[in-house]
PDB file of N, CA and C in Angstrom:
ATOM      1  N   MET A   1     -38.822 233.017 173.566  1.00  0.00           N
ATOM      2  CA  MET A   1     -37.996 232.147 172.751  1.00  0.00           C
ATOM      3  C   MET A   1     -38.862 231.510 171.664  1.00  0.00           C
ATOM      4  N   LYS A   2     -38.244 231.373 170.542  1.00  0.00           N
ATOM      5  CA  LYS A   2     -38.954 230.745 169.439  1.00  0.00           C
ATOM      6  C   LYS A   2     -38.740 229.244 169.492  1.00  0.00           C
ATOM      7  N   GLN A   3     -39.530 228.544 168.754  1.00  0.00           N
ATOM      8  CA  GLN A   3     -39.456 227.079 168.732  1.00  0.00           C
ATOM      9  C   GLN A   3     -38.135 226.613 168.129  1.00  0.00           C
ATOM     10  N   ASN A   4     -37.589 227.362 167.200  1.00  0.00           N
ATOM     11  CA  ASN A   4     -36.299 227.002 166.606  1.00  0.00           C
ATOM     12  C   ASN A   4     -35.169 227.118 167.624  1.00  0.00           C
ATOM     13  N   ASP A   5     -35.233 228.138 168.492  1.00  0.00           N
ATOM     14  CA  ASP A   5     -34.207 228.320 169.524  1.00  0.00           C
ATOM     15  C   ASP A   5     -34.223 227.170 170.521  1.00  0.00           C
ATOM     16  N   ILE A   6     -35.385 226.760 170.946  1.00  0.00           N
ATOM     17  CA  ILE A   6     -35.512 225.652 171.898  1.00  0.00           C
ATOM     18  C   ILE A   6     -34.993 224.357 171.281  1.00  0.00           C
ATOM     19  N   ALA A   7     -35.315 224.125 170.015  1.00  0.00           N
ATOM     20  CA  ALA A   7     -34.829 222.919 169.341  1.00  0.00           C
ATOM     21  C   ALA A   7     -33.321 222.948 169.211  1.00  0.00           C
ATOM     22  N   ALA A   8     -32.737 224.114 168.936  1.00  0.00           N
ATOM     23  CA  ALA A   8     -31.284 224.231 168.825  1.00  0.00           C
ATOM     24  C   ALA A   8     -30.612 223.966 170.173  1.00  0.00           C
ATOM     25  N   ILE A   9     -31.179 224.484 171.247  1.00  0.00           N
ATOM     26  CA  ILE A   9     -30.621 224.255 172.591  1.00  0.00           C
ATOM     27  C   ILE A   9     -30.702 222.777 172.958  1.00  0.00           C
ATOM     28  N   VAL A  10     -31.806 222.130 172.671  1.00  0.00           N
ATOM     29  CA  VAL A  10     -31.962 220.701 172.958  1.00  0.00           C
ATOM     30  C   VAL A  10     -30.950 219.892 172.152  1.00  0.00           C
ATOM     31  N   LEU A  11     -30.725 220.247 170.904  1.00  0.00           N
ATOM     32  CA  LEU A  11     -29.760 219.544 170.070  1.00  0.00           C
ATOM     33  C   LEU A  11     -28.340 219.724 170.590  1.00  0.00           C
ATOM     34  N   ILE A  12     -27.992 220.931 170.993  1.00  0.00           N
ATOM     35  CA  ILE A  12     -26.651 221.198 171.538  1.00  0.00           C
ATOM     36  C   ILE A  12     -26.434 220.435 172.835  1.00  0.00           C
ATOM     37  N   VAL A  13     -27.442 220.401 173.709  1.00  0.00           N
ATOM     38  CA  VAL A  13     -27.329 219.671 174.980  1.00  0.00           C
ATOM     39  C   VAL A  13     -27.182 218.176 174.709  1.00  0.00           C
ATOM     40  N   ALA A  14     -27.905 217.640 173.752  1.00  0.00           N
ATOM     41  CA  ALA A  14     -27.808 216.212 173.431  1.00  0.00           C
ATOM     42  C   ALA A  14     -26.433 215.870 172.873  1.00  0.00           C
ATOM     43  N   ILE A  15     -25.913 216.703 171.994  1.00  0.00           N
ATOM     44  CA  ILE A  15     -24.572 216.451 171.433  1.00  0.00           C
ATOM     45  C   ILE A  15     -23.508 216.562 172.524  1.00  0.00           C
ATOM     46  N   ALA A  16     -23.627 217.551 173.400  1.00  0.00           N
ATOM     47  CA  ALA A  16     -22.666 217.702 174.494  1.00  0.00           C
ATOM     48  C   ALA A  16     -22.744 216.526 175.457  1.00  0.00           C
ATOM     49  N   GLY A  17     -23.934 216.008 175.696  1.00  0.00           N
ATOM     50  CA  GLY A  17     -24.087 214.845 176.588  1.00  0.00           C
ATOM     51  C   GLY A  17     -23.450 213.602 176.011  1.00  0.00           C
ATOM     52  N   VAL A  18     -23.659 213.363 174.721  1.00  0.00           N
ATOM     53  CA  VAL A  18     -23.057 212.184 174.076  1.00  0.00           C
ATOM     54  C   VAL A  18     -21.536 212.329 174.047  1.00  0.00           C
ATOM     55  N   PHE A  19     -21.049 213.524 173.721  1.00  0.00           N
ATOM     56  CA  PHE A  19     -19.611 213.769 173.686  1.00  0.00           C
ATOM     57  C   PHE A  19     -18.981 213.571 175.065  1.00  0.00           C
ATOM     58  N   SER A  20     -19.597 214.107 176.114  1.00  0.00           N
ATOM     59  CA  SER A  20     -19.045 213.960 177.460  1.00  0.00           C
ATOM     60  C   SER A  20     -19.114 212.513 177.936  1.00  0.00           C
ATOM     61  N   PHE A  21     -20.115 211.759 177.493  1.00  0.00           N
ATOM     62  CA  PHE A  21     -20.187 210.342 177.846  1.00  0.00           C
ATOM     63  C   PHE A  21     -18.984 209.582 177.296  1.00  0.00           C
ATOM     64  N   PHE A  22     -18.644 209.809 176.042  1.00  0.00           N
ATOM     65  CA  PHE A  22     -17.518 209.103 175.440  1.00  0.00           C
ATOM     66  C   PHE A  22     -16.180 209.570 176.009  1.00  0.00           C
ATOM     67  N   VAL A  23     -16.060 210.845 176.285  1.00  0.00           N
ATOM     68  CA  VAL A  23     -14.824 211.351 176.886  1.00  0.00           C
ATOM     69  C   VAL A  23     -14.653 210.771 178.291  1.00  0.00           C
ATOM     70  N   ALA A  24     -15.717 210.709 179.072  1.00  0.00           N
ATOM     71  CA  ALA A  24     -15.626 210.144 180.427  1.00  0.00           C
ATOM     72  C   ALA A  24     -15.297 208.663 180.384  1.00  0.00           C
ATOM     73  N   ASN A  25     -15.840 207.933 179.421  1.00  0.00           N
ATOM     74  CA  ASN A  25     -15.517 206.514 179.301  1.00  0.00           C
ATOM     75  C   ASN A  25     -14.058 206.291 178.939  1.00  0.00           C
ATOM     76  N   THR A  26     -13.481 207.147 178.114  1.00  0.00           N
ATOM     77  CA  THR A  26     -12.069 206.972 177.773  1.00  0.00           C
ATOM     78  C   THR A  26     -11.161 207.363 178.928  1.00  0.00           C
ATOM     79  N   ILE A  27     -11.547 208.350 179.712  1.00  0.00           N
ATOM     80  CA  ILE A  27     -10.712 208.779 180.835  1.00  0.00           C
ATOM     81  C   ILE A  27     -10.851 207.817 182.011  1.00  0.00           C
ATOM     82  N   ILE A  28     -12.058 207.514 182.405  1.00  0.00           N
ATOM     83  CA  ILE A  28     -12.291 206.679 183.581  1.00  0.00           C
ATOM     84  C   ILE A  28     -12.129 205.207 183.236  1.00  0.00           C
ATOM     85  N   GLY A  29     -12.659 204.777 182.141  1.00  0.00           N
ATOM     86  CA  GLY A  29     -12.546 203.384 181.738  1.00  0.00           C
ATOM     87  C   GLY A  29     -13.639 202.521 182.335  1.00  0.00           C
ATOM     88  N   ASN A  30     -13.576 201.237 181.988  1.00  0.00           N
ATOM     89  CA  ASN A  30     -14.544 200.268 182.484  1.00  0.00           C
ATOM     90  C   ASN A  30     -14.037 199.622 183.763  1.00  0.00           C
ATOM     91  N   PRO A  31     -14.881 199.370 184.750  1.00  0.00           N
ATOM     92  CA  PRO A  31     -14.411 198.696 185.949  1.00  0.00           C
ATOM     93  C   PRO A  31     -13.999 197.248 185.679  1.00  0.00           C
ATOM     94  N   LYS A  32     -14.485 196.646 184.603  1.00  0.00           N
ATOM     95  CA  LYS A  32     -14.119 195.266 184.293  1.00  0.00           C
ATOM     96  C   LYS A  32     -12.671 195.176 183.827  1.00  0.00           C
ATOM     97  N   ASN A  33     -12.114 196.274 183.339  1.00  0.00           N
ATOM     98  CA  ASN A  33     -10.741 196.267 182.837  1.00  0.00           C
ATOM     99  C   ASN A  33      -9.704 196.394 183.939  1.00  0.00           C
ATOM    100  N   ASP A  34     -10.084 196.901 185.095  1.00  0.00           N
ATOM    101  CA  ASP A  34      -9.144 197.120 186.187  1.00  0.00           C
ATOM    102  C   ASP A  34      -9.556 196.307 187.407  1.00  0.00           C
ATOM    103  N   PRO A  35      -9.073 195.060 187.536  1.00  0.00           N
ATOM    104  CA  PRO A  35      -9.423 194.284 188.734  1.00  0.00           C
ATOM    105  C   PRO A  35      -8.729 194.865 189.968  1.00  0.00           C
ATOM    106  N   VAL A  36      -9.358 194.709 191.096  1.00  0.00           N
ATOM    107  CA  VAL A  36      -8.858 195.263 192.344  1.00  0.00           C
ATOM    108  C   VAL A  36      -7.828 194.303 192.943  1.00  0.00           C
ATOM    109  N   GLN A  37      -6.696 194.858 193.368  1.00  0.00           N
ATOM    110  CA  GLN A  37      -5.663 194.079 194.037  1.00  0.00           C
ATOM    111  C   GLN A  37      -5.836 194.256 195.553  1.00  0.00           C
ATOM    112  N   VAL A  38      -5.976 193.154 196.260  1.00  0.00           N
ATOM    113  CA  VAL A  38      -6.187 193.196 197.702  1.00  0.00           C
ATOM    114  C   VAL A  38      -5.026 192.481 198.379  1.00  0.00           C
ATOM    115  N   GLU A  39      -4.483 193.114 199.429  1.00  0.00           N
ATOM    116  CA  GLU A  39      -3.385 192.516 200.168  1.00  0.00           C
ATOM    117  C   GLU A  39      -3.906 191.425 201.100  1.00  0.00           C
ATOM    118  N   ASP A  40      -3.040 190.447 201.365  1.00  0.00           N
ATOM    119  CA  ASP A  40      -3.372 189.422 202.344  1.00  0.00           C
ATOM    120  C   ASP A  40      -3.184 190.002 203.738  1.00  0.00           C
ATOM    121  N   VAL A  41      -4.097 189.694 204.623  1.00  0.00           N
ATOM    122  CA  VAL A  41      -4.050 190.214 205.977  1.00  0.00           C
ATOM    123  C   VAL A  41      -3.566 189.111 206.897  1.00  0.00           C
ATOM    124  N   THR A  42      -2.621 189.447 207.763  1.00  0.00           N
ATOM    125  CA  THR A  42      -2.141 188.459 208.724  1.00  0.00           C
ATOM    126  C   THR A  42      -3.130 188.368 209.877  1.00  0.00           C
ATOM    127  N   PRO A  43      -3.413 187.183 210.361  1.00  0.00           N
ATOM    128  CA  PRO A  43      -4.381 187.056 211.454  1.00  0.00           C
ATOM    129  C   PRO A  43      -3.829 187.619 212.764  1.00  0.00           C
ATOM    130  N   ILE A  44      -4.739 188.053 213.616  1.00  0.00           N
ATOM    131  CA  ILE A  44      -4.368 188.592 214.922  1.00  0.00           C
ATOM    132  C   ILE A  44      -4.056 187.438 215.852  1.00  0.00           C
ATOM    133  N   LYS A  45      -2.936 187.559 216.557  1.00  0.00           N
ATOM    134  CA  LYS A  45      -2.527 186.506 217.486  1.00  0.00           C
ATOM    135  C   LYS A  45      -2.894 186.904 218.911  1.00  0.00           C
ATOM    136  N   SER A  46      -3.092 185.904 219.756  1.00  0.00           N
ATOM    137  CA  SER A  46      -3.446 186.185 221.150  1.00  0.00           C
ATOM    138  C   SER A  46      -2.211 186.478 221.994  1.00  0.00           C
ATOM    139  N   THR A  47      -1.027 186.198 221.493  1.00  0.00           N
ATOM    140  CA  THR A  47       0.197 186.486 222.239  1.00  0.00           C
ATOM    141  C   THR A  47       0.790 187.795 221.756  1.00  0.00           C
ATOM    142  N   PHE A  48       1.473 188.490 222.662  1.00  0.00           N
ATOM    143  CA  PHE A  48       2.097 189.761 222.334  1.00  0.00           C
ATOM    144  C   PHE A  48       3.582 189.640 222.614  1.00  0.00           C
ATOM    145  N   PRO A  49       4.441 189.987 221.664  1.00  0.00           N
ATOM    146  CA  PRO A  49       5.877 189.838 221.903  1.00  0.00           C
ATOM    147  C   PRO A  49       6.361 190.846 222.945  1.00  0.00           C
ATOM    148  N   THR A  50       7.429 190.511 223.633  1.00  0.00           N
ATOM    149  CA  THR A  50       7.980 191.436 224.627  1.00  0.00           C
ATOM    150  C   THR A  50       8.612 192.612 223.907  1.00  0.00           C
ATOM    151  N   PRO A  51       8.408 193.827 224.428  1.00  0.00           N
ATOM    152  CA  PRO A  51       8.950 195.007 223.759  1.00  0.00           C
ATOM    153  C   PRO A  51      10.465 195.097 223.905  1.00  0.00           C
ATOM    154  N   ASP A  52      11.078 195.832 223.020  1.00  0.00           N
ATOM    155  CA  ASP A  52      12.522 196.013 223.033  1.00  0.00           C
ATOM    156  C   ASP A  52      12.916 196.873 224.233  1.00  0.00           C
ATOM    157  N   ASN A  53      13.985 196.521 224.927  1.00  0.00           N
ATOM    158  CA  ASN A  53      14.428 197.261 226.117  1.00  0.00           C
ATOM    159  C   ASN A  53      14.952 198.641 225.763  1.00  0.00           C
ATOM    160  N   ARG A  54      15.401 198.835 224.531  1.00  0.00           N
ATOM    161  CA  ARG A  54      15.877 200.158 224.129  1.00  0.00           C
ATOM    162  C   ARG A  54      14.720 201.140 224.025  1.00  0.00           C
ATOM    163  N   VAL A  55      13.529 200.653 223.690  1.00  0.00           N
ATOM    164  CA  VAL A  55      12.378 201.529 223.532  1.00  0.00           C
ATOM    165  C   VAL A  55      11.622 201.678 224.846  1.00  0.00           C
ATOM    166  N   PHE A  56      11.336 200.590 225.524  1.00  0.00           N
ATOM    167  CA  PHE A  56      10.582 200.600 226.779  1.00  0.00           C
ATOM    168  C   PHE A  56      11.536 200.319 227.930  1.00  0.00           C
ATOM    169  N   ASN A  57      12.090 201.378 228.492  1.00  0.00           N
ATOM    170  CA  ASN A  57      13.038 201.267 229.583  1.00  0.00           C
ATOM    171  C   ASN A  57      12.291 201.393 230.903  1.00  0.00           C
ATOM    172  N   ASP A  58      12.469 200.440 231.806  1.00  0.00           N
ATOM    173  CA  ASP A  58      11.751 200.507 233.086  1.00  0.00           C
ATOM    174  C   ASP A  58      12.379 201.512 234.048  1.00  0.00           C
ATOM    175  N   LYS A  59      13.552 202.055 233.750  1.00  0.00           N
ATOM    176  CA  LYS A  59      14.202 203.050 234.604  1.00  0.00           C
ATOM    177  C   LYS A  59      14.042 204.467 234.057  1.00  0.00           C
ATOM    178  N   SER A  60      13.222 204.646 233.065  1.00  0.00           N
ATOM    179  CA  SER A  60      13.052 205.966 232.457  1.00  0.00           C
ATOM    180  C   SER A  60      12.118 206.830 233.304  1.00  0.00           C
ATOM    181  N   ILE A  61      12.028 208.102 232.949  1.00  0.00           N
ATOM    182  CA  ILE A  61      11.167 209.050 233.664  1.00  0.00           C
ATOM    183  C   ILE A  61       9.718 208.765 233.298  1.00  0.00           C
ATOM    184  N   ASP A  62       8.868 208.709 234.318  1.00  0.00           N
ATOM    185  CA  ASP A  62       7.450 208.456 234.095  1.00  0.00           C
ATOM    186  C   ASP A  62       6.764 209.788 233.819  1.00  0.00           C
ATOM    187  N   ALA A  63       6.244 209.955 232.618  1.00  0.00           N
ATOM    188  CA  ALA A  63       5.620 211.219 232.238  1.00  0.00           C
ATOM    189  C   ALA A  63       4.254 211.419 232.880  1.00  0.00           C
ATOM    190  N   THR A  64       3.695 210.398 233.495  1.00  0.00           N
ATOM    191  CA  THR A  64       2.374 210.543 234.109  1.00  0.00           C
ATOM    192  C   THR A  64       2.440 211.021 235.549  1.00  0.00           C
ATOM    193  N   VAL A  65       3.635 211.085 236.127  1.00  0.00           N
ATOM    194  CA  VAL A  65       3.775 211.539 237.509  1.00  0.00           C
ATOM    195  C   VAL A  65       3.723 213.058 237.527  1.00  0.00           C
ATOM    196  N   GLU A  66       2.894 213.631 238.425  1.00  0.00           N
ATOM    197  CA  GLU A  66       2.771 215.073 238.516  1.00  0.00           C
ATOM    198  C   GLU A  66       3.997 215.662 239.193  1.00  0.00           C
ATOM    199  N   ILE A  67       4.527 216.727 238.599  1.00  0.00           N
ATOM    200  CA  ILE A  67       5.726 217.373 239.129  1.00  0.00           C
ATOM    201  C   ILE A  67       5.301 218.641 239.842  1.00  0.00           C
ATOM    202  N   GLN A  68       5.744 218.814 241.077  1.00  0.00           N
ATOM    203  CA  GLN A  68       5.417 220.000 241.860  1.00  0.00           C
ATOM    204  C   GLN A  68       6.545 221.021 241.717  1.00  0.00           C
ATOM    205  N   GLY A  69       6.147 222.281 241.457  1.00  0.00           N
ATOM    206  CA  GLY A  69       7.138 223.358 241.404  1.00  0.00           C
ATOM    207  C   GLY A  69       7.621 223.675 242.806  1.00  0.00           C
ATOM    208  N   GLY A  70       8.830 224.155 242.931  1.00  0.00           N
ATOM    209  CA  GLY A  70       9.401 224.378 244.256  1.00  0.00           C
ATOM    210  C   GLY A  70       9.060 225.723 244.851  1.00  0.00           C
ATOM    211  N   GLY A  71       8.497 225.743 246.041  1.00  0.00           N
ATOM    212  CA  GLY A  71       8.308 226.931 246.867  1.00  0.00           C
ATOM    213  C   GLY A  71       7.324 227.953 246.330  1.00  0.00           C
ATOM    214  N   THR A  72       7.364 229.129 246.979  1.00  0.00           N
ATOM    215  CA  THR A  72       6.474 230.217 246.580  1.00  0.00           C
ATOM    216  C   THR A  72       7.103 230.972 245.413  1.00  0.00           C
ATOM    217  N   GLY A  73       6.291 231.677 244.720  1.00  0.00           N
ATOM    218  CA  GLY A  73       6.784 232.453 243.590  1.00  0.00           C
ATOM    219  C   GLY A  73       6.893 231.646 242.308  1.00  0.00           C
ATOM    220  N   SER A  74       6.483 230.396 242.338  1.00  0.00           N
ATOM    221  CA  SER A  74       6.568 229.599 241.114  1.00  0.00           C
ATOM    222  C   SER A  74       5.536 230.044 240.080  1.00  0.00           C
ATOM    223  N   ASP A  75       4.512 230.797 240.520  1.00  0.00           N
ATOM    224  CA  ASP A  75       3.539 231.315 239.583  1.00  0.00           C
ATOM    225  C   ASP A  75       3.963 232.645 238.984  1.00  0.00           C
ATOM    226  N   ARG A  76       5.104 233.191 239.439  1.00  0.00           N
ATOM    227  CA  ARG A  76       5.630 234.463 238.939  1.00  0.00           C
ATOM    228  C   ARG A  76       6.942 234.200 238.185  1.00  0.00           C
ATOM    229  N   VAL A  77       6.846 233.430 237.166  1.00  0.00           N
ATOM    230  CA  VAL A  77       8.050 233.014 236.444  1.00  0.00           C
ATOM    231  C   VAL A  77       8.654 234.165 235.663  1.00  0.00           C
ATOM    232  N   PHE A  78       7.851 234.997 235.030  1.00  0.00           N
ATOM    233  CA  PHE A  78       8.371 236.014 234.128  1.00  0.00           C
ATOM    234  C   PHE A  78       8.526 237.377 234.765  1.00  0.00           C
ATOM    235  N   GLU A  79       8.305 237.492 236.068  1.00  0.00           N
ATOM    236  CA  GLU A  79       8.466 238.774 236.755  1.00  0.00           C
ATOM    237  C   GLU A  79       9.850 238.869 237.356  1.00  0.00           C
ATOM    238  N   ASN A  80      10.383 240.107 237.434  1.00  0.00           N
ATOM    239  CA  ASN A  80      11.705 240.321 238.037  1.00  0.00           C
ATOM    240  C   ASN A  80      11.585 240.645 239.489  1.00  0.00           C
TER     241      ASN A  80
END
């Protein structure tokens, strides 16, 4: 490479860097222009409200109870 080629590449890279800096500033913007909005958080209480009876029914089926299949042949479900 000749010295003129290297100087041309350096000039092109510098112009592209300055151009991309200004384009990024217009797209992204300054953080000082966009203040952050934060929601208020409600404090945690030590009491817990009673659950709704429609959702937590004490007479419902307990999914944690193991169900036993009936008799022999329960492992041959798909055989005739």
